[in-house]
N, C-alpha and C. Protein backbone atom coordinates (compact mmCIF):
# COMPACT_ATOMS: atom_id res chain seq x y z
N MET A 1 -39.13 -39.89 19.72
CA MET A 1 -39.67 -40.69 20.79
C MET A 1 -41.17 -40.48 20.87
N ARG A 2 -41.84 -41.57 21.17
CA ARG A 2 -43.28 -41.50 21.34
C ARG A 2 -43.63 -41.80 22.79
N PHE A 3 -44.38 -40.90 23.39
CA PHE A 3 -44.84 -41.07 24.76
C PHE A 3 -46.28 -41.58 24.69
N GLN A 4 -46.48 -42.84 25.07
CA GLN A 4 -47.83 -43.40 25.00
C GLN A 4 -48.65 -43.09 26.24
N SER A 5 -48.01 -43.08 27.42
CA SER A 5 -48.78 -42.79 28.63
C SER A 5 -47.85 -42.35 29.75
N PHE A 6 -48.45 -41.62 30.68
CA PHE A 6 -47.78 -41.23 31.91
C PHE A 6 -48.82 -41.25 33.01
N ALA A 7 -48.50 -41.93 34.08
CA ALA A 7 -49.32 -41.94 35.30
C ALA A 7 -48.34 -41.93 36.46
N PHE A 8 -48.83 -41.58 37.64
CA PHE A 8 -47.97 -41.52 38.82
C PHE A 8 -47.17 -42.82 38.93
N GLY A 9 -45.84 -42.72 38.82
CA GLY A 9 -44.95 -43.86 38.98
C GLY A 9 -44.68 -44.68 37.74
N SER A 10 -45.21 -44.27 36.59
CA SER A 10 -45.04 -45.08 35.38
C SER A 10 -45.11 -44.20 34.13
N ILE A 11 -44.26 -44.55 33.16
CA ILE A 11 -44.29 -43.86 31.87
C ILE A 11 -44.03 -44.89 30.78
N GLN A 12 -44.69 -44.71 29.64
CA GLN A 12 -44.46 -45.60 28.50
C GLN A 12 -43.87 -44.78 27.37
N ILE A 13 -42.67 -45.19 26.92
CA ILE A 13 -41.95 -44.50 25.85
C ILE A 13 -41.62 -45.53 24.79
N ASP A 14 -42.04 -45.24 23.56
CA ASP A 14 -41.77 -46.14 22.43
C ASP A 14 -42.15 -47.58 22.75
N GLY A 15 -43.29 -47.76 23.40
CA GLY A 15 -43.82 -49.09 23.68
C GLY A 15 -43.25 -49.78 24.90
N LYS A 16 -42.29 -49.18 25.56
CA LYS A 16 -41.70 -49.79 26.75
C LYS A 16 -42.15 -49.01 27.99
N THR A 17 -42.54 -49.72 29.03
CA THR A 17 -43.00 -49.10 30.26
C THR A 17 -41.86 -49.05 31.27
N TYR A 18 -41.70 -47.89 31.89
CA TYR A 18 -40.67 -47.67 32.92
C TYR A 18 -41.38 -47.32 34.22
N ASP A 19 -40.90 -47.90 35.33
CA ASP A 19 -41.49 -47.60 36.64
C ASP A 19 -40.48 -46.92 37.55
N HIS A 20 -39.57 -46.18 36.93
CA HIS A 20 -38.55 -45.42 37.65
C HIS A 20 -38.27 -44.14 36.86
N ASP A 21 -37.65 -43.17 37.52
CA ASP A 21 -37.27 -41.94 36.83
C ASP A 21 -36.39 -42.27 35.64
N VAL A 22 -36.54 -41.50 34.56
CA VAL A 22 -35.76 -41.76 33.36
C VAL A 22 -35.00 -40.52 32.91
N VAL A 23 -33.92 -40.77 32.18
CA VAL A 23 -33.13 -39.73 31.54
C VAL A 23 -33.20 -40.00 30.05
N LEU A 24 -33.52 -38.98 29.28
CA LEU A 24 -33.54 -39.08 27.82
C LEU A 24 -32.31 -38.31 27.32
N ASP A 25 -31.38 -39.04 26.75
CA ASP A 25 -30.11 -38.46 26.33
C ASP A 25 -29.87 -38.79 24.86
N ARG A 26 -30.10 -37.82 24.00
CA ARG A 26 -29.90 -37.96 22.56
C ARG A 26 -30.59 -39.21 22.01
N GLY A 27 -31.84 -39.38 22.40
CA GLY A 27 -32.64 -40.48 21.87
C GLY A 27 -32.52 -41.79 22.63
N VAL A 28 -31.69 -41.84 23.66
CA VAL A 28 -31.52 -43.06 24.46
C VAL A 28 -32.19 -42.85 25.82
N VAL A 29 -32.95 -43.86 26.24
CA VAL A 29 -33.62 -43.81 27.55
C VAL A 29 -32.79 -44.63 28.53
N ARG A 30 -32.50 -44.04 29.70
CA ARG A 30 -31.80 -44.76 30.75
C ARG A 30 -32.43 -44.40 32.09
N LYS A 31 -32.16 -45.23 33.07
CA LYS A 31 -32.66 -45.00 34.42
C LYS A 31 -31.88 -43.85 35.06
N ARG A 32 -32.61 -42.99 35.75
CA ARG A 32 -31.95 -41.92 36.51
C ARG A 32 -31.32 -42.55 37.75
N ASP A 33 -30.03 -42.32 37.92
CA ASP A 33 -29.32 -42.82 39.10
C ASP A 33 -29.24 -41.68 40.11
N LYS A 34 -30.20 -41.66 41.01
CA LYS A 34 -30.28 -40.53 41.94
C LYS A 34 -29.50 -40.75 43.23
N LYS A 35 -28.79 -41.88 43.34
CA LYS A 35 -28.00 -42.14 44.55
C LYS A 35 -27.03 -41.01 44.86
N ALA A 36 -26.41 -40.46 43.83
CA ALA A 36 -25.42 -39.41 44.02
C ALA A 36 -26.02 -38.15 44.65
N SER A 37 -27.32 -37.95 44.50
CA SER A 37 -27.99 -36.75 45.04
C SER A 37 -28.59 -36.98 46.42
N ARG A 38 -28.55 -38.20 46.91
CA ARG A 38 -29.20 -38.49 48.20
C ARG A 38 -28.62 -37.71 49.37
N SER A 39 -27.36 -37.31 49.26
CA SER A 39 -26.76 -36.56 50.36
C SER A 39 -27.43 -35.20 50.56
N PHE A 40 -28.18 -34.73 49.57
CA PHE A 40 -28.88 -33.44 49.66
C PHE A 40 -30.31 -33.58 50.19
N ARG A 41 -30.75 -34.81 50.41
CA ARG A 41 -32.14 -35.06 50.78
C ARG A 41 -32.58 -34.29 52.02
N SER A 42 -31.75 -34.28 53.05
CA SER A 42 -32.16 -33.62 54.29
C SER A 42 -32.34 -32.11 54.10
N ALA A 43 -31.56 -31.51 53.24
CA ALA A 43 -31.68 -30.06 53.00
C ALA A 43 -32.92 -29.70 52.18
N TYR A 44 -33.40 -30.66 51.36
CA TYR A 44 -34.52 -30.37 50.46
C TYR A 44 -35.81 -31.10 50.83
N GLY A 45 -35.75 -32.06 51.75
CA GLY A 45 -36.92 -32.82 52.11
C GLY A 45 -37.28 -33.86 51.05
N HIS A 46 -36.46 -34.00 50.06
CA HIS A 46 -36.68 -34.90 48.93
C HIS A 46 -35.33 -35.02 48.23
N THR A 47 -35.06 -36.12 47.58
CA THR A 47 -33.80 -36.23 46.84
C THR A 47 -33.90 -35.32 45.61
N PRO A 48 -33.11 -34.24 45.56
CA PRO A 48 -33.21 -33.29 44.45
C PRO A 48 -32.43 -33.78 43.22
N LEU A 49 -32.56 -33.06 42.15
CA LEU A 49 -31.70 -33.26 40.99
C LEU A 49 -30.49 -32.36 41.21
N SER A 50 -29.30 -32.97 41.18
CA SER A 50 -28.09 -32.20 41.47
C SER A 50 -27.00 -32.49 40.44
N LEU A 51 -25.96 -31.71 40.50
CA LEU A 51 -24.81 -31.90 39.63
C LEU A 51 -24.05 -33.19 39.94
N SER A 52 -24.34 -33.82 41.05
CA SER A 52 -23.70 -35.08 41.40
C SER A 52 -24.14 -36.21 40.48
N GLU A 53 -25.27 -36.02 39.81
CA GLU A 53 -25.79 -37.03 38.89
C GLU A 53 -25.21 -36.83 37.49
N LYS A 54 -25.39 -37.84 36.66
CA LYS A 54 -24.94 -37.75 35.27
C LYS A 54 -26.03 -37.01 34.47
N ILE A 55 -25.86 -35.72 34.35
CA ILE A 55 -26.83 -34.86 33.67
C ILE A 55 -26.55 -34.90 32.16
N PRO A 56 -27.57 -35.05 31.33
CA PRO A 56 -27.37 -35.13 29.88
C PRO A 56 -27.20 -33.73 29.25
N TRP A 57 -26.02 -33.16 29.40
CA TRP A 57 -25.77 -31.77 29.00
C TRP A 57 -25.61 -31.57 27.49
N HIS A 58 -25.42 -32.61 26.71
CA HIS A 58 -25.15 -32.44 25.28
C HIS A 58 -26.45 -32.12 24.54
N CYS A 59 -26.91 -30.89 24.69
CA CYS A 59 -28.16 -30.45 24.09
C CYS A 59 -28.23 -28.92 24.12
N ARG A 60 -29.25 -28.42 23.47
CA ARG A 60 -29.54 -26.99 23.50
C ARG A 60 -30.51 -26.67 24.63
N ARG A 61 -31.40 -27.66 24.91
CA ARG A 61 -32.42 -27.48 25.95
C ARG A 61 -32.51 -28.74 26.79
N LEU A 62 -32.56 -28.56 28.11
CA LEU A 62 -32.74 -29.66 29.05
C LEU A 62 -34.08 -29.47 29.74
N VAL A 63 -34.98 -30.42 29.53
CA VAL A 63 -36.30 -30.37 30.15
C VAL A 63 -36.28 -31.29 31.36
N VAL A 64 -36.68 -30.76 32.50
CA VAL A 64 -36.77 -31.55 33.72
C VAL A 64 -38.24 -31.66 34.11
N GLY A 65 -38.72 -32.90 34.10
CA GLY A 65 -40.07 -33.16 34.59
C GLY A 65 -39.98 -33.34 36.09
N THR A 66 -40.60 -32.44 36.83
CA THR A 66 -40.43 -32.38 38.28
C THR A 66 -41.44 -33.23 39.05
N GLY A 67 -42.10 -34.16 38.37
CA GLY A 67 -43.03 -35.07 39.03
C GLY A 67 -44.48 -34.71 38.77
N ALA A 68 -45.37 -35.60 39.19
CA ALA A 68 -46.80 -35.40 38.97
C ALA A 68 -47.30 -34.11 39.61
N GLN A 69 -46.78 -33.80 40.78
CA GLN A 69 -47.18 -32.58 41.50
C GLN A 69 -46.12 -31.49 41.42
N GLY A 70 -45.06 -31.73 40.68
CA GLY A 70 -44.00 -30.73 40.54
C GLY A 70 -43.12 -30.59 41.77
N ALA A 71 -42.95 -31.67 42.54
CA ALA A 71 -42.26 -31.58 43.83
C ALA A 71 -40.75 -31.84 43.78
N LEU A 72 -40.20 -32.28 42.64
CA LEU A 72 -38.76 -32.56 42.58
C LEU A 72 -37.98 -31.25 42.63
N PRO A 73 -37.17 -31.05 43.66
CA PRO A 73 -36.36 -29.83 43.73
C PRO A 73 -35.11 -29.95 42.86
N LEU A 74 -34.62 -28.81 42.41
CA LEU A 74 -33.36 -28.72 41.68
C LEU A 74 -32.41 -27.88 42.51
N VAL A 75 -31.18 -28.35 42.68
CA VAL A 75 -30.21 -27.55 43.42
C VAL A 75 -29.84 -26.32 42.59
N ALA A 76 -29.54 -25.22 43.26
CA ALA A 76 -29.24 -23.96 42.57
C ALA A 76 -28.05 -24.10 41.63
N GLU A 77 -27.08 -24.92 42.01
CA GLU A 77 -25.89 -25.09 41.17
C GLU A 77 -26.24 -25.67 39.81
N LEU A 78 -27.30 -26.46 39.73
CA LEU A 78 -27.72 -27.04 38.46
C LEU A 78 -28.16 -25.93 37.49
N ARG A 79 -28.91 -24.99 38.00
CA ARG A 79 -29.35 -23.86 37.16
C ARG A 79 -28.16 -23.02 36.70
N ARG A 80 -27.22 -22.79 37.60
CA ARG A 80 -26.03 -22.01 37.24
C ARG A 80 -25.19 -22.75 36.19
N GLU A 81 -25.07 -24.06 36.33
CA GLU A 81 -24.29 -24.85 35.37
C GLU A 81 -24.96 -24.84 33.99
N ALA A 82 -26.28 -24.91 33.97
CA ALA A 82 -26.99 -24.84 32.69
C ALA A 82 -26.72 -23.50 32.01
N GLU A 83 -26.78 -22.44 32.78
CA GLU A 83 -26.50 -21.11 32.23
C GLU A 83 -25.06 -21.03 31.72
N ARG A 84 -24.12 -21.54 32.49
CA ARG A 84 -22.71 -21.52 32.09
C ARG A 84 -22.50 -22.27 30.77
N ARG A 85 -23.22 -23.36 30.60
CA ARG A 85 -23.08 -24.18 29.40
C ARG A 85 -23.90 -23.66 28.22
N GLY A 86 -24.74 -22.67 28.46
CA GLY A 86 -25.60 -22.16 27.40
C GLY A 86 -26.75 -23.09 27.07
N VAL A 87 -27.18 -23.87 28.07
CA VAL A 87 -28.29 -24.80 27.91
C VAL A 87 -29.53 -24.20 28.56
N GLU A 88 -30.61 -24.12 27.79
CA GLU A 88 -31.88 -23.66 28.34
C GLU A 88 -32.42 -24.73 29.27
N LEU A 89 -32.66 -24.39 30.52
CA LEU A 89 -33.19 -25.34 31.50
C LEU A 89 -34.66 -25.03 31.73
N VAL A 90 -35.50 -26.03 31.46
CA VAL A 90 -36.94 -25.88 31.65
C VAL A 90 -37.37 -26.92 32.67
N ALA A 91 -37.87 -26.47 33.82
CA ALA A 91 -38.31 -27.37 34.88
C ALA A 91 -39.81 -27.16 35.09
N VAL A 92 -40.59 -28.18 34.77
CA VAL A 92 -42.05 -28.13 34.86
C VAL A 92 -42.55 -29.50 35.32
N PRO A 93 -43.79 -29.58 35.81
CA PRO A 93 -44.33 -30.90 36.16
C PRO A 93 -44.20 -31.87 34.97
N THR A 94 -44.06 -33.14 35.28
CA THR A 94 -43.72 -34.13 34.26
C THR A 94 -44.73 -34.18 33.11
N ALA A 95 -46.02 -34.07 33.37
CA ALA A 95 -47.00 -34.07 32.28
C ALA A 95 -46.73 -32.92 31.31
N ASP A 96 -46.38 -31.75 31.85
CA ASP A 96 -46.06 -30.59 31.01
C ASP A 96 -44.75 -30.82 30.26
N ALA A 97 -43.79 -31.47 30.91
CA ALA A 97 -42.51 -31.77 30.26
C ALA A 97 -42.73 -32.69 29.07
N ILE A 98 -43.57 -33.68 29.23
CA ILE A 98 -43.88 -34.60 28.13
C ILE A 98 -44.53 -33.84 26.98
N ALA A 99 -45.45 -32.95 27.30
CA ALA A 99 -46.10 -32.14 26.25
C ALA A 99 -45.07 -31.31 25.50
N LEU A 100 -44.11 -30.73 26.21
CA LEU A 100 -43.05 -29.95 25.55
C LEU A 100 -42.21 -30.85 24.64
N LEU A 101 -41.88 -32.03 25.12
CA LEU A 101 -41.06 -32.95 24.33
C LEU A 101 -41.82 -33.45 23.09
N GLU A 102 -43.11 -33.65 23.23
CA GLU A 102 -43.92 -34.08 22.08
C GLU A 102 -44.02 -32.99 21.03
N LYS A 103 -44.04 -31.75 21.48
CA LYS A 103 -44.17 -30.61 20.57
C LYS A 103 -42.85 -30.31 19.86
N ASP A 104 -41.74 -30.31 20.60
CA ASP A 104 -40.43 -29.97 20.03
C ASP A 104 -39.33 -30.63 20.85
N SER A 105 -38.77 -31.70 20.31
CA SER A 105 -37.70 -32.38 21.04
C SER A 105 -36.35 -32.25 20.35
N GLU A 106 -36.29 -31.40 19.32
CA GLU A 106 -35.03 -31.24 18.61
C GLU A 106 -33.95 -30.67 19.53
N ASP A 107 -32.80 -31.33 19.57
CA ASP A 107 -31.66 -30.94 20.39
C ASP A 107 -32.07 -30.71 21.86
N THR A 108 -32.95 -31.61 22.34
CA THR A 108 -33.46 -31.53 23.70
C THR A 108 -33.24 -32.85 24.42
N ASN A 109 -32.71 -32.79 25.62
CA ASN A 109 -32.61 -33.94 26.50
C ASN A 109 -33.56 -33.72 27.67
N ALA A 110 -33.76 -34.77 28.47
CA ALA A 110 -34.71 -34.63 29.57
C ALA A 110 -34.36 -35.54 30.73
N VAL A 111 -34.83 -35.11 31.91
CA VAL A 111 -34.84 -35.93 33.12
C VAL A 111 -36.28 -35.89 33.58
N LEU A 112 -36.92 -37.07 33.69
CA LEU A 112 -38.32 -37.12 34.04
C LEU A 112 -38.53 -37.87 35.36
N HIS A 113 -39.03 -37.14 36.35
CA HIS A 113 -39.36 -37.70 37.67
C HIS A 113 -40.79 -38.20 37.59
N LEU A 114 -41.06 -39.43 38.01
CA LEU A 114 -42.36 -40.04 37.78
C LEU A 114 -43.31 -40.03 38.97
N THR A 115 -42.82 -39.66 40.14
CA THR A 115 -43.70 -39.62 41.30
C THR A 115 -43.80 -38.18 41.81
N CYS A 116 -44.34 -38.00 42.95
CA CYS A 116 -44.58 -36.71 43.63
C CYS A 116 -44.59 -35.56 42.66
């Protein structure tokens, strides 16, 4: 995958621009469906990434881009599930996540938050 640009609220991957959070699952880009995590919003002050979502677990490493300012929270159960599955979970601001993916994306999936 080629990341051409990232700005608050927008990312360009392989020539296509997305204006919503994305999930990269074994080379396929799809929209993050965060509706399932909305029930946690009041506890976190923001809709977090939770196990209620379709997490792309079929990988060795899962990179989570936590937004431009790194504000996307992850529920604790997500970290425990990654450990249980033997998946390295890396949560960093989205610009840093993109840099990691550009450097080494072998057997790596990602969830990229594009705002906050």
